[in-house]
Amino acid sequence: MPPQSEGTDLSKRSCIRCNRRKVRCDRKHPCKQCLQAKAECIHPGNKRAPRKLSRLPIAALRSRLQQLEEEVERLQAGGGQSVLRSRSADEADQRQPLHVEAKRLRGMLVVQDETRARYVGDEASVVLRDKDREHPGSESELGVDAGRMDPLQPLQMEMLWQVYKSNVAPMITVLHTPSIESVIRDTCAKPDVELDPGSSALLRAVFFAAMVSMDPANCWSVVGEECNVCLREFRLAVARSLAKANLVSSDDVRVLQAAVVYLLCVRCGCDSEQVWVEAAIVVHVAQRQGIHRDGQNLGLSPFDIETRRRLWSYICMLDILYSEDQGTDTQIRPEMFDTRPPLNIDSDDLSSNMAELPPPQAGLTDITLCIIQYEIMTHLSWTDKSFGLEEHQSTWTDEQTPLSKLAASLGERYLHKFDLKIPIQWVTAVIFRLTLSKASLVNRLSKAAMDKEPTATDDEIFSLAVEILKFSSLLQNNEMSAPWAWLCRSYKQEHVMALILSQLCSRPISAETDHAWDLVKGVYDEWEQGTQKTNSQMQEPVSRLMERASISRRLRGAVE
């Protein structure tokens, strides 16, 4: 297009940068957005953008259907014993077996390349899916280029990565940090080079997570825009990159990792019903990729075995968290998978060329918090709801419960070597105590439901619920946990709050109930002051209980 005088002539179309970011462009040259970002402003010209035909011609569709029918007939005639080959099978033969029978399930792993391998239960589905992917128009078309990192500059990417390492990585260890650091270093060196869909999705999830973890002042200093605007744009960027990478049918484990990081972080302030549905999709994608089958049974490399175990552990916890938010049963059950928990080893001790996994360490590593939460949460969610009460009903003591044995085992393996003066170790210890207290509360409620005189344990249950809320408040407001308070705030103890409030409606006014009321009122006020409102199933019941408890206490002469 002919050159325009700066700030005068208007283009009929937005500049390329504004179009990619989906923000309003004033169509000047250069536009206001590009001037503020000190970025090059390029206008595409005044002609209408060409439209791509997203449908196949009828003749091509018929030809493709005929090929698929012939392939099915060939498989049926051969008894389903045809040899499977992927596009990269020749290279895969040099690295590992093409397929290995999975434990407890007839299936195989078809290797495509270093980052893609899919788990299948029958050969026909492999051939049919490969045939379907041969047509280039089958992938979704987006109106933006989700493979580039615009509008982020290399310095901003480096700053966001540092934020991620300090605020996110210690709490969420889905990703192999050294591998991501290498990708970010290459991207910063060549910011104009388009990334492959897997790398693009991973980096956008990392940058979104970093944005979620920052306070508004830090957000402005790093990105130069208001926090709410950045969060909205970064969240949209992750969604676009996952769409471009075709999450639902992708065989790239990096795309699944990006989706899990995104869902763990977006839980901090969003419509929990919507994300609950998205989490269900992630569970199904993980099963289709075979993440629910231990990599050792599939003949994978030590590095892949451990990274898949970490990923599956977080997917299980994601399922538990969102199911609890919505008051539903978990999708995942223990009989559905054989993937083992991750080993207690640091990410820095893992590499793609390692010959064998190192032995697990004692004390804290970057995966210890995940292991502790995973073991207690799965015990709480998947053990029979009686927690062995029939077995122990006659000789019930805390020392005899499976939960107490698990707590003792975790303490011996990890916590006994903690230095509580170190913030991350203090936070891990408090989260351990909080998660354990919550499991104990469920345990005692189950026992009370079976006893003929459940009121005998009411005081214990009430005190334990108050203790849980104390730990939760401590995590969110203590200086030691400040870098990770953003994530701690997402673990709202709404069921515990409801239990305490229901007790406060009937318990006599005392120093203990006054203390409990002050605690729940302070926590509730913090929830109400939050900028983001979620659609949790417990929001309305807790609000009604707050009102009832307040009225009940006033009628009985309590001083508010």
Protein backbone atom coordinates (compact mmCIF):
# COMPACT_ATOMS: atom_id res chain seq x y z
CA MET A 1 0.00 0.00 0.00
CA PRO A 2 1.25 3.57 -0.55
CA PRO A 3 2.97 5.21 2.39
CA GLN A 4 0.75 7.26 4.66
CA SER A 5 1.64 10.40 6.50
CA GLU A 6 2.09 9.60 10.18
CA GLY A 7 -1.09 9.90 12.24
CA THR A 8 -3.24 11.29 9.38
CA ASP A 9 -4.53 8.92 6.68
CA LEU A 10 -6.73 6.07 7.84
CA SER A 11 -6.52 2.53 6.51
CA LYS A 12 -9.71 0.63 5.80
CA ARG A 13 -8.37 -2.34 7.77
CA SER A 14 -6.75 -2.78 11.19
CA CYS A 15 -3.01 -3.26 11.36
CA ILE A 16 -1.67 -6.82 11.51
CA ARG A 17 -0.61 -6.56 15.17
CA CYS A 18 -4.00 -5.27 16.41
CA ASN A 19 -5.80 -7.86 14.29
CA ARG A 20 -3.77 -10.67 15.90
CA ARG A 21 -4.43 -9.31 19.40
CA LYS A 22 -8.13 -8.74 18.65
CA VAL A 23 -8.00 -5.15 19.97
CA ARG A 24 -9.46 -2.00 18.47
CA CYS A 25 -7.13 -0.29 16.01
CA ASP A 26 -7.50 3.42 15.19
CA ARG A 27 -6.21 2.55 11.66
CA LYS A 28 -3.66 5.32 11.67
CA HIS A 29 -0.09 4.74 10.58
CA PRO A 30 1.34 3.98 13.06
CA CYS A 31 -1.67 3.23 15.22
CA LYS A 32 -1.92 4.16 18.91
CA GLN A 33 -1.53 0.56 20.14
CA CYS A 34 1.72 0.03 18.22
CA LEU A 35 3.06 3.43 19.31
CA GLN A 36 2.49 2.59 22.98
CA ALA A 37 4.15 -0.81 22.56
CA LYS A 38 6.97 0.65 20.46
CA ALA A 39 6.24 -2.03 17.90
CA GLU A 40 6.32 -1.93 14.11
CA CYS A 41 2.91 -1.07 12.68
CA ILE A 42 2.12 -2.83 9.40
CA HIS A 43 -1.15 -2.40 7.53
CA PRO A 44 -2.22 -5.21 5.17
CA GLY A 45 -3.75 -2.92 2.55
CA ASN A 46 -7.32 -1.86 1.82
CA LYS A 47 -8.45 -4.96 -0.04
CA ARG A 48 -10.77 -7.40 1.71
CA ALA A 49 -8.90 -10.26 3.41
CA PRO A 50 -9.10 -13.43 1.30
CA ARG A 51 -11.41 -16.12 2.62
CA LYS A 52 -10.23 -19.71 2.76
CA LEU A 53 -12.43 -22.55 1.64
CA SER A 54 -12.69 -24.80 4.68
CA ARG A 55 -14.71 -27.54 2.97
CA LEU A 56 -13.59 -30.31 0.71
CA PRO A 57 -15.02 -30.57 -2.84
CA ILE A 58 -17.69 -33.29 -3.19
CA ALA A 59 -15.46 -35.37 -5.48
CA ALA A 60 -12.63 -35.31 -2.95
CA LEU A 61 -14.99 -36.33 -0.15
CA ARG A 62 -16.26 -39.30 -2.16
CA SER A 63 -12.72 -40.37 -2.99
CA ARG A 64 -11.67 -40.13 0.63
CA LEU A 65 -14.71 -42.12 1.79
CA GLN A 66 -13.95 -44.84 -0.73
CA GLN A 67 -10.36 -45.07 0.51
CA LEU A 68 -11.56 -45.45 4.11
CA GLU A 69 -14.05 -48.17 3.13
CA GLU A 70 -11.34 -50.09 1.28
CA GLU A 71 -9.05 -49.78 4.30
CA VAL A 72 -11.72 -51.19 6.63
CA GLU A 73 -12.39 -54.09 4.25
CA ARG A 74 -8.67 -54.84 4.07
CA LEU A 75 -8.39 -54.87 7.88
CA GLN A 76 -11.42 -57.13 8.24
CA ALA A 77 -10.11 -59.54 5.58
CA GLY A 78 -6.71 -59.69 7.32
CA GLY A 79 -8.22 -60.42 10.72
CA GLY A 80 -6.97 -57.12 12.14
CA GLN A 81 -3.36 -58.27 12.10
CA SER A 82 -1.96 -55.63 9.75
CA VAL A 83 1.26 -53.94 10.73
CA LEU A 84 0.82 -50.36 11.96
CA ARG A 85 3.18 -47.74 10.67
CA SER A 86 3.10 -44.02 11.44
CA ARG A 87 4.75 -41.29 9.43
CA SER A 88 7.82 -41.45 11.65
CA ALA A 89 7.81 -45.21 12.26
CA ASP A 90 11.17 -45.76 10.60
CA GLU A 91 12.80 -43.33 13.01
CA ALA A 92 10.78 -44.73 15.91
CA ASP A 93 12.16 -48.22 15.29
CA GLN A 94 15.59 -46.89 16.15
CA ARG A 95 14.44 -45.61 19.54
CA GLN A 96 11.93 -48.04 21.00
CA PRO A 97 9.38 -50.77 20.10
CA LEU A 98 6.50 -49.66 17.92
CA HIS A 99 3.90 -51.06 20.28
CA VAL A 100 3.81 -52.84 23.62
CA GLU A 101 0.86 -54.61 25.16
CA ALA A 102 -0.38 -52.61 28.15
CA LYS A 103 -0.91 -54.08 31.58
CA ARG A 104 -4.57 -54.92 32.33
CA LEU A 105 -5.72 -53.61 28.98
CA ARG A 106 -5.25 -54.75 25.40
CA GLY A 107 -3.61 -51.77 23.75
CA MET A 108 -0.53 -50.37 22.11
CA LEU A 109 1.50 -47.22 21.84
CA VAL A 110 2.07 -45.97 18.29
CA VAL A 111 5.14 -43.75 18.18
CA GLN A 112 5.10 -40.80 15.82
CA ASP A 113 8.05 -38.64 16.88
CA GLU A 114 9.85 -37.41 20.00
CA THR A 115 6.83 -35.54 21.36
CA ARG A 116 3.88 -37.48 19.94
CA ALA A 117 2.77 -41.01 20.67
CA ARG A 118 -0.75 -42.24 21.07
CA TYR A 119 -2.28 -45.11 22.98
CA VAL A 120 -4.83 -47.22 21.08
CA GLY A 121 -6.84 -50.33 21.77
CA ASP A 122 -7.38 -51.48 18.19
CA GLU A 123 -5.54 -51.18 14.90
CA ALA A 124 -8.45 -50.03 12.76
CA SER A 125 -8.80 -46.78 14.72
CA VAL A 126 -5.14 -45.96 14.05
CA VAL A 127 -5.44 -46.37 10.30
CA LEU A 128 -8.72 -44.49 10.09
CA ARG A 129 -7.42 -41.56 12.13
CA ASP A 130 -4.21 -41.34 10.10
CA LYS A 131 -6.25 -41.32 6.89
CA ASP A 132 -8.44 -38.56 8.30
CA ARG A 133 -5.38 -36.42 9.08
CA GLU A 134 -3.89 -36.73 5.62
CA HIS A 135 -6.13 -33.93 4.38
CA PRO A 136 -4.68 -30.52 5.30
CA GLY A 137 -8.07 -28.85 5.56
CA SER A 138 -9.22 -31.04 8.43
CA GLU A 139 -7.57 -28.87 11.11
CA SER A 140 -9.40 -25.87 12.50
CA GLU A 141 -8.81 -22.50 10.89
CA LEU A 142 -8.31 -19.52 13.23
CA GLY A 143 -8.55 -15.87 12.41
CA VAL A 144 -5.28 -15.18 14.25
CA ASP A 145 -1.79 -16.57 14.13
CA ALA A 146 -1.59 -18.55 17.37
CA GLY A 147 1.95 -19.65 16.65
CA ARG A 148 3.67 -16.33 17.31
CA MET A 149 4.32 -14.64 20.64
CA ASP A 150 3.22 -11.13 19.58
CA PRO A 151 2.74 -8.73 21.26
CA LEU A 152 5.24 -9.94 23.88
CA GLN A 153 8.81 -8.76 23.50
CA PRO A 154 11.79 -11.00 24.41
CA LEU A 155 12.42 -9.06 27.62
CA GLN A 156 8.78 -9.46 28.68
CA MET A 157 8.91 -13.19 27.96
CA GLU A 158 12.03 -13.54 30.09
CA MET A 159 10.42 -11.57 32.93
CA LEU A 160 7.25 -13.66 32.82
CA TRP A 161 9.34 -16.83 32.83
CA GLN A 162 11.14 -15.66 35.98
CA VAL A 163 7.76 -14.96 37.59
CA TYR A 164 6.58 -18.45 36.63
CA LYS A 165 9.66 -20.08 38.15
CA SER A 166 9.25 -18.24 41.47
CA ASN A 167 5.43 -18.09 41.81
CA VAL A 168 4.09 -21.10 39.92
CA ALA A 169 6.71 -23.85 39.45
CA PRO A 170 7.19 -24.52 43.20
CA MET A 171 3.46 -25.28 43.53
CA ILE A 172 2.57 -26.80 40.13
CA THR A 173 5.22 -29.16 38.76
CA VAL A 174 3.48 -30.36 35.62
CA LEU A 175 6.24 -29.13 33.31
CA HIS A 176 9.88 -30.08 33.05
CA THR A 177 11.40 -26.67 33.82
CA PRO A 178 14.77 -27.12 32.04
CA SER A 179 12.99 -28.12 28.80
CA ILE A 180 10.67 -25.10 28.90
CA GLU A 181 13.60 -22.80 29.68
CA SER A 182 15.35 -24.01 26.54
CA VAL A 183 12.25 -23.28 24.41
CA ILE A 184 11.88 -19.80 25.91
CA ARG A 185 15.55 -19.05 25.33
CA ASP A 186 15.24 -20.01 21.66
CA THR A 187 12.01 -18.03 21.29
CA CYS A 188 13.56 -14.90 22.79
CA ALA A 189 16.52 -15.24 20.42
CA LYS A 190 14.22 -15.54 17.39
CA PRO A 191 10.88 -13.94 18.34
CA ASP A 192 9.65 -13.71 14.72
CA VAL A 193 9.97 -17.45 14.06
CA GLU A 194 6.65 -19.24 14.22
CA LEU A 195 6.47 -21.94 16.89
CA ASP A 196 5.00 -25.38 16.39
CA PRO A 197 1.52 -25.78 17.97
CA GLY A 198 2.79 -27.75 20.98
CA SER A 199 5.48 -25.23 21.92
CA SER A 200 3.11 -22.32 21.33
CA ALA A 201 0.45 -23.80 23.62
CA LEU A 202 3.01 -24.52 26.34
CA LEU A 203 4.51 -21.03 26.34
CA ARG A 204 1.13 -19.31 26.32
CA ALA A 205 0.01 -21.47 29.27
CA VAL A 206 3.23 -20.57 31.11
CA PHE A 207 2.77 -16.84 30.50
CA PHE A 208 -0.90 -17.01 31.50
CA ALA A 209 0.02 -18.79 34.73
CA ALA A 210 2.62 -16.12 35.46
CA MET A 211 0.01 -13.41 34.89
CA VAL A 212 -2.45 -15.10 37.26
CA SER A 213 0.20 -15.23 40.00
CA MET A 214 1.13 -11.53 39.83
CA ASP A 215 -0.46 -8.63 41.68
CA PRO A 216 -1.73 -5.67 39.57
CA ALA A 217 1.33 -3.49 40.22
CA ASN A 218 3.75 -6.17 39.01
CA CYS A 219 1.54 -6.87 36.02
CA TRP A 220 1.74 -3.26 34.90
CA SER A 221 5.51 -3.14 35.31
CA VAL A 222 6.03 -6.30 33.24
CA VAL A 223 3.41 -6.04 30.49
CA GLY A 224 2.45 -2.38 30.59
CA GLU A 225 -1.33 -2.93 30.74
CA GLU A 226 -4.00 -3.31 33.40
CA CYS A 227 -4.13 -6.70 35.09
CA ASN A 228 -7.72 -7.53 34.13
CA VAL A 229 -7.06 -6.69 30.47
CA CYS A 230 -3.91 -8.82 30.46
CA LEU A 231 -5.61 -11.77 32.09
CA ARG A 232 -8.43 -11.67 29.56
CA GLU A 233 -6.05 -11.42 26.59
CA PHE A 234 -3.65 -14.07 27.88
CA ARG A 235 -6.50 -16.46 28.65
CA LEU A 236 -7.87 -15.97 25.15
CA ALA A 237 -4.40 -16.57 23.72
CA VAL A 238 -4.16 -19.93 25.53
CA ALA A 239 -7.61 -20.94 24.29
CA ARG A 240 -6.66 -20.06 20.70
CA SER A 241 -3.37 -21.91 20.88
CA LEU A 242 -5.08 -25.03 22.28
CA ALA A 243 -7.65 -24.80 19.49
CA LYS A 244 -4.94 -24.46 16.85
CA ALA A 245 -3.10 -27.43 18.36
CA ASN A 246 -6.41 -29.34 18.19
CA LEU A 247 -6.36 -30.45 21.83
CA VAL A 248 -9.20 -32.95 21.55
CA SER A 249 -7.47 -35.06 18.90
CA SER A 250 -3.83 -34.08 19.46
CA ASP A 251 -1.22 -36.76 20.11
CA ASP A 252 1.26 -34.20 21.45
CA VAL A 253 1.68 -34.59 25.21
CA ARG A 254 2.85 -30.96 25.41
CA VAL A 255 -0.60 -29.74 24.36
CA LEU A 256 -2.14 -31.77 27.18
CA GLN A 257 0.42 -30.37 29.64
CA ALA A 258 -0.48 -26.84 28.55
CA ALA A 259 -4.19 -27.53 29.09
CA VAL A 260 -3.57 -28.89 32.61
CA VAL A 261 -1.43 -25.89 33.64
CA TYR A 262 -4.10 -23.58 32.25
CA LEU A 263 -6.96 -25.30 34.13
CA LEU A 264 -5.07 -25.41 37.42
CA CYS A 265 -4.44 -21.65 37.21
CA VAL A 266 -7.73 -20.49 35.71
CA ARG A 267 -9.49 -22.01 38.74
CA CYS A 268 -8.37 -18.96 40.73
CA GLY A 269 -11.11 -16.79 39.28
CA CYS A 270 -13.57 -18.07 36.71
CA ASP A 271 -16.86 -19.82 36.14
CA SER A 272 -16.11 -23.16 37.81
CA GLU A 273 -18.96 -24.91 35.95
CA GLN A 274 -17.42 -24.09 32.59
CA VAL A 275 -13.94 -25.16 33.66
CA TRP A 276 -15.38 -28.34 35.20
CA VAL A 277 -16.56 -29.30 31.70
CA GLU A 278 -13.16 -28.41 30.24
CA ALA A 279 -11.45 -30.54 32.89
CA ALA A 280 -13.62 -33.48 31.83
CA ILE A 281 -12.33 -33.08 28.28
CA VAL A 282 -8.75 -33.13 29.54
CA VAL A 283 -9.39 -36.43 31.36
CA HIS A 284 -10.67 -38.01 28.15
CA VAL A 285 -7.75 -36.65 26.11
CA ALA A 286 -5.32 -38.07 28.68
CA GLN A 287 -6.97 -41.48 28.42
CA ARG A 288 -6.81 -41.37 24.63
CA GLN A 289 -3.11 -40.54 24.80
CA GLY A 290 -2.56 -43.41 27.23
CA ILE A 291 -1.36 -41.24 30.12
CA HIS A 292 -3.47 -43.45 32.40
CA ARG A 293 -1.16 -46.38 31.57
CA ASP A 294 2.24 -46.42 33.26
CA GLY A 295 5.00 -45.64 30.78
CA GLN A 296 7.12 -48.48 32.09
CA ASN A 297 4.51 -50.97 30.86
CA LEU A 298 4.52 -49.26 27.48
CA GLY A 299 8.27 -49.45 27.00
CA LEU A 300 8.89 -45.70 27.18
CA SER A 301 12.12 -43.93 28.09
CA PRO A 302 12.82 -43.11 31.78
CA PHE A 303 12.27 -39.41 31.10
CA ASP A 304 8.86 -40.01 29.46
CA ILE A 305 7.84 -42.41 32.22
CA GLU A 306 8.38 -39.83 34.93
CA THR A 307 6.94 -36.80 33.08
CA ARG A 308 3.78 -38.78 32.26
CA ARG A 309 3.44 -39.85 35.90
CA ARG A 310 3.64 -36.22 37.01
CA LEU A 311 1.09 -35.19 34.41
CA TRP A 312 -1.36 -37.94 35.38
CA SER A 313 -1.07 -37.08 39.09
CA TYR A 314 -2.09 -33.48 38.39
CA ILE A 315 -4.92 -34.61 36.10
CA CYS A 316 -6.27 -36.78 38.95
CA MET A 317 -6.06 -33.86 41.39
CA LEU A 318 -7.69 -31.56 38.82
CA ASP A 319 -10.58 -34.01 38.51
CA ILE A 320 -10.94 -34.22 42.30
CA LEU A 321 -10.84 -30.43 42.79
CA TYR A 322 -13.43 -29.57 40.16
CA SER A 323 -15.69 -32.48 41.15
CA GLU A 324 -15.61 -31.18 44.73
CA ASP A 325 -16.43 -27.67 43.48
CA GLN A 326 -19.51 -28.96 41.66
CA GLY A 327 -20.54 -31.59 44.21
CA THR A 328 -20.19 -34.51 41.78
CA ASP A 329 -18.34 -37.82 41.79
CA THR A 330 -14.92 -37.91 40.18
CA GLN A 331 -14.58 -39.17 36.62
CA ILE A 332 -11.38 -41.02 37.43
CA ARG A 333 -11.53 -44.12 39.61
CA PRO A 334 -8.53 -46.19 40.78
CA GLU A 335 -9.53 -49.23 38.73
CA MET A 336 -9.30 -47.14 35.54
CA PHE A 337 -5.51 -46.67 35.52
CA ASP A 338 -2.21 -48.21 36.51
CA THR A 339 0.03 -45.14 36.26
CA ARG A 340 2.18 -44.94 39.38
CA PRO A 341 2.74 -41.80 41.48
CA PRO A 342 5.84 -39.78 40.52
CA LEU A 343 9.18 -40.40 42.21
CA ASN A 344 10.45 -37.84 44.71
CA ILE A 345 13.16 -36.41 42.43
CA ASP A 346 13.85 -32.87 41.21
CA SER A 347 13.18 -31.79 37.62
CA ASP A 348 16.85 -30.88 37.27
CA ASP A 349 17.70 -34.56 37.80
CA LEU A 350 15.61 -35.55 34.76
CA SER A 351 16.85 -35.38 31.17
CA SER A 352 15.60 -36.77 27.88
CA ASN A 353 18.79 -38.80 27.31
CA MET A 354 18.97 -40.45 30.76
CA ALA A 355 19.37 -44.23 30.74
CA GLU A 356 17.54 -44.88 34.02
CA LEU A 357 15.66 -42.97 36.69
CA PRO A 358 17.61 -41.87 39.78
CA PRO A 359 16.54 -43.24 43.17
CA PRO A 360 13.89 -41.17 45.03
CA GLN A 361 15.22 -38.63 47.52
CA ALA A 362 14.34 -38.08 51.17
CA GLY A 363 13.01 -34.67 52.13
CA LEU A 364 11.81 -31.89 49.85
CA THR A 365 12.08 -31.87 46.05
CA ASP A 366 10.07 -29.84 43.55
CA ILE A 367 7.53 -32.69 43.27
CA THR A 368 7.09 -33.46 47.00
CA LEU A 369 4.06 -31.21 47.44
CA CYS A 370 2.36 -32.91 44.49
CA ILE A 371 3.07 -36.37 45.92
CA ILE A 372 1.72 -35.44 49.37
CA GLN A 373 -1.47 -33.86 48.01
CA TYR A 374 -1.99 -36.67 45.51
CA GLU A 375 -1.69 -39.45 48.08
CA ILE A 376 -3.99 -37.80 50.64
CA MET A 377 -6.55 -36.51 48.13
CA THR A 378 -6.84 -39.84 46.32
CA HIS A 379 -7.16 -41.62 49.66
CA LEU A 380 -9.93 -39.20 50.59
CA SER A 381 -11.77 -39.45 47.25
CA TRP A 382 -11.25 -43.07 46.22
CA THR A 383 -11.14 -45.07 49.42
CA ASP A 384 -14.51 -46.50 50.36
CA LYS A 385 -16.49 -43.78 52.13
CA SER A 386 -16.49 -45.79 55.34
CA PHE A 387 -12.68 -45.66 55.38
CA GLY A 388 -12.66 -49.17 56.81
CA LEU A 389 -15.07 -48.26 59.60
CA GLU A 390 -16.61 -51.74 59.71
CA GLU A 391 -13.18 -53.18 60.31
CA HIS A 392 -12.24 -50.73 63.06
CA GLN A 393 -15.61 -49.89 64.58
CA SER A 394 -15.16 -52.05 67.63
CA THR A 395 -11.61 -50.89 68.43
CA TRP A 396 -11.63 -47.40 66.96
CA THR A 397 -8.55 -45.24 67.61
CA ASP A 398 -6.81 -42.68 65.41
CA GLU A 399 -3.65 -44.80 65.37
CA GLN A 400 -5.53 -47.68 63.76
CA THR A 401 -7.00 -45.82 60.77
CA PRO A 402 -5.52 -46.20 57.28
CA LEU A 403 -5.39 -42.41 57.09
CA SER A 404 -3.19 -42.19 60.17
CA LYS A 405 -0.87 -44.80 58.71
CA LEU A 406 -0.65 -42.81 55.49
CA ALA A 407 0.10 -39.60 57.42
CA ALA A 408 2.84 -41.32 59.40
CA SER A 409 4.35 -42.71 56.21
CA LEU A 410 4.35 -39.31 54.48
CA GLY A 411 5.85 -37.65 57.53
CA GLU A 412 8.62 -40.22 57.74
CA ARG A 413 9.42 -40.05 54.03
CA TYR A 414 9.39 -36.29 53.59
CA LEU A 415 8.50 -33.92 56.43
CA HIS A 416 10.93 -35.10 59.09
CA LYS A 417 13.77 -33.44 57.16
CA PHE A 418 12.00 -30.12 56.56
CA ASP A 419 13.45 -26.79 57.68
CA LEU A 420 10.38 -24.71 58.50
CA LYS A 421 12.37 -21.48 58.26
CA ILE A 422 12.48 -21.97 54.48
CA PRO A 423 9.22 -20.58 52.99
CA ILE A 424 8.44 -23.34 50.48
CA GLN A 425 9.08 -26.03 53.09
CA TRP A 426 6.89 -24.21 55.61
CA VAL A 427 4.11 -23.90 53.01
CA THR A 428 4.40 -27.58 52.08
CA ALA A 429 4.15 -28.56 55.76
CA VAL A 430 1.06 -26.38 56.32
CA ILE A 431 -0.64 -27.73 53.17
CA PHE A 432 0.14 -31.26 54.39
CA ARG A 433 -1.48 -30.50 57.75
CA LEU A 434 -4.46 -28.80 56.09
CA THR A 435 -5.08 -31.65 53.63
CA LEU A 436 -4.66 -34.22 56.38
CA SER A 437 -7.08 -32.37 58.67
CA LYS A 438 -9.66 -32.27 55.90
CA ALA A 439 -9.33 -36.00 55.32
CA SER A 440 -9.62 -36.57 59.08
CA LEU A 441 -12.80 -34.49 59.16
CA VAL A 442 -14.41 -36.68 56.49
CA ASN A 443 -13.21 -39.71 58.42
CA ARG A 444 -14.85 -38.54 61.66
CA LEU A 445 -18.06 -37.54 59.90
CA SER A 446 -18.27 -41.06 58.48
CA LYS A 447 -17.75 -42.55 61.93
CA ALA A 448 -20.36 -40.23 63.45
CA ALA A 449 -22.88 -41.27 60.80
CA MET A 450 -22.43 -44.92 61.80
CA ASP A 451 -22.54 -44.39 65.55
CA LYS A 452 -25.85 -44.65 67.40
CA GLU A 453 -24.99 -41.48 69.34
CA PRO A 454 -23.28 -39.19 66.81
CA THR A 455 -23.42 -36.20 69.18
CA ALA A 456 -20.53 -37.76 71.09
CA THR A 457 -18.12 -36.57 68.37
CA ASP A 458 -19.76 -33.21 67.58
CA ASP A 459 -17.21 -31.25 69.58
CA GLU A 460 -14.32 -33.04 67.88
CA ILE A 461 -15.80 -32.40 64.45
CA PHE A 462 -16.45 -28.73 65.19
CA SER A 463 -12.91 -28.19 66.52
CA LEU A 464 -11.38 -29.98 63.51
CA ALA A 465 -13.41 -27.85 61.08
CA VAL A 466 -12.24 -24.66 62.81
CA GLU A 467 -8.66 -25.92 62.63
CA ILE A 468 -8.97 -26.48 58.86
CA LEU A 469 -10.26 -22.94 58.32
CA LYS A 470 -7.38 -21.59 60.44
CA PHE A 471 -4.81 -23.38 58.30
CA SER A 472 -6.52 -22.13 55.14
CA SER A 473 -6.51 -18.53 56.36
CA LEU A 474 -2.90 -18.87 57.48
CA LEU A 475 -1.80 -19.99 54.03
CA GLN A 476 -3.50 -17.04 52.36
CA ASN A 477 -2.31 -14.30 54.72
CA ASN A 478 1.11 -15.30 56.03
CA GLU A 479 4.27 -13.59 54.80
CA MET A 480 5.96 -16.97 54.30
CA SER A 481 3.37 -17.98 51.71
CA ALA A 482 3.06 -14.59 49.95
CA PRO A 483 4.47 -15.71 46.54
CA TRP A 484 1.95 -18.55 46.40
CA ALA A 485 -1.07 -16.96 48.09
CA TRP A 486 -2.69 -16.59 44.63
CA LEU A 487 -3.04 -20.38 44.40
CA CYS A 488 -3.86 -20.92 48.08
CA ARG A 489 -6.84 -18.57 47.68
CA SER A 490 -8.33 -20.90 45.05
CA TYR A 491 -8.68 -23.71 47.61
CA LYS A 492 -11.79 -22.36 49.28
CA GLN A 493 -12.94 -24.54 52.15
CA GLU A 494 -16.62 -23.91 51.43
CA HIS A 495 -17.86 -27.26 52.74
CA VAL A 496 -15.94 -26.73 55.98
CA MET A 497 -17.30 -23.20 56.23
CA ALA A 498 -20.85 -24.53 55.80
CA LEU A 499 -20.29 -27.10 58.55
CA ILE A 500 -19.02 -24.48 61.02
CA LEU A 501 -21.89 -22.09 60.24
CA SER A 502 -24.51 -24.81 60.69
CA GLN A 503 -23.02 -25.56 64.11
CA LEU A 504 -22.93 -21.85 65.04
CA CYS A 505 -26.67 -21.63 64.41
CA SER A 506 -27.35 -23.98 67.33
CA ARG A 507 -24.30 -24.00 69.62
CA PRO A 508 -24.41 -21.98 72.86
CA ILE A 509 -22.63 -18.63 72.84
CA SER A 510 -19.13 -19.12 74.28
CA ALA A 511 -15.57 -17.98 73.82
CA GLU A 512 -15.05 -20.92 71.43
CA THR A 513 -18.04 -20.07 69.22
CA ASP A 514 -17.15 -16.35 69.29
CA HIS A 515 -13.68 -17.23 68.03
CA ALA A 516 -15.14 -19.49 65.33
CA TRP A 517 -17.55 -16.74 64.23
CA ASP A 518 -14.77 -14.17 63.98
CA LEU A 519 -12.76 -16.62 61.87
CA VAL A 520 -15.53 -17.50 59.42
CA LYS A 521 -16.62 -13.87 59.11
CA GLY A 522 -13.07 -12.79 58.27
CA VAL A 523 -12.66 -15.54 55.65
CA TYR A 524 -16.10 -14.83 54.16
CA ASP A 525 -15.35 -11.10 53.89
CA GLU A 526 -12.14 -11.94 52.00
CA TRP A 527 -14.14 -14.05 49.56
CA GLU A 528 -16.65 -11.25 49.02
CA GLN A 529 -13.89 -8.71 48.37
CA GLY A 530 -12.37 -10.88 45.65
CA THR A 531 -12.52 -9.37 42.18
CA GLN A 532 -13.41 -12.66 40.50
CA LYS A 533 -16.64 -14.49 41.27
CA THR A 534 -16.92 -18.22 40.63
CA ASN A 535 -20.01 -20.32 40.03
CA SER A 536 -19.41 -22.82 42.82
CA GLN A 537 -22.31 -24.97 43.95
CA MET A 538 -21.62 -23.92 47.57
CA GLN A 539 -21.76 -20.15 47.08
CA GLU A 540 -25.46 -19.66 47.74
CA PRO A 541 -25.74 -22.19 50.60
CA VAL A 542 -22.80 -20.56 52.42
CA SER A 543 -24.32 -17.09 51.96
CA ARG A 544 -27.64 -18.25 53.40
CA LEU A 545 -25.91 -19.96 56.32
CA MET A 546 -23.93 -16.78 57.07
CA GLU A 547 -27.19 -14.84 57.31
CA ARG A 548 -28.86 -17.50 59.48
CA ALA A 549 -25.89 -17.79 61.83
CA SER A 550 -25.69 -14.01 62.22
CA ILE A 551 -29.40 -13.73 63.05
CA SER A 552 -29.27 -16.69 65.43
CA ARG A 553 -26.32 -15.25 67.34
CA ARG A 554 -27.94 -11.80 67.64
CA LEU A 555 -31.17 -13.35 68.98
CA ARG A 556 -29.15 -15.16 71.63
CA GLY A 557 -27.33 -12.00 72.70
CA ALA A 558 -23.95 -12.48 71.01
CA VAL A 559 -21.86 -9.34 70.53
CA GLU A 560 -21.00 -8.97 66.83
